[in-house]
Amino acid sequence: MVTHIVVWKYRAEIDSATREEHRARLRSLSNIVPGIESFSVGSDFLHSPKSYDTGLIALFRDRSVLDAYTVHPEHVSVVKFGDPIIETMAKVDFED
């Protein structure tokens, strides 16, 4: 099993509608390739100084599924949408 965790902090001037559209686009990726076991996207509710705005946790059957997900055209499209609205992003992928 592969766990894929990504968090985004939006640029300060990005409005709530655009932030929500990004989350909706992320959620639309939940079934783009076979082997996605679990997929969750949410917004931070603590709003602490160290918080990120949006988080994604996905479980993939194995690394080949993560690889297929990464290059899938729908995923690439969401990445391109997010690039100009993101201040910073962090991720970690690990096998367990």
Foldseek 3Di string as FASTA:
>chain_A
DKKKKKFFAWDPPDDPVLVVVLQVLQVVLQPPDPFWPDKDKDADDPPDPPDTGMMMITDGNDVVRVVCSCPPPSNVVSVVSCVVGTPDMDMDMDDD
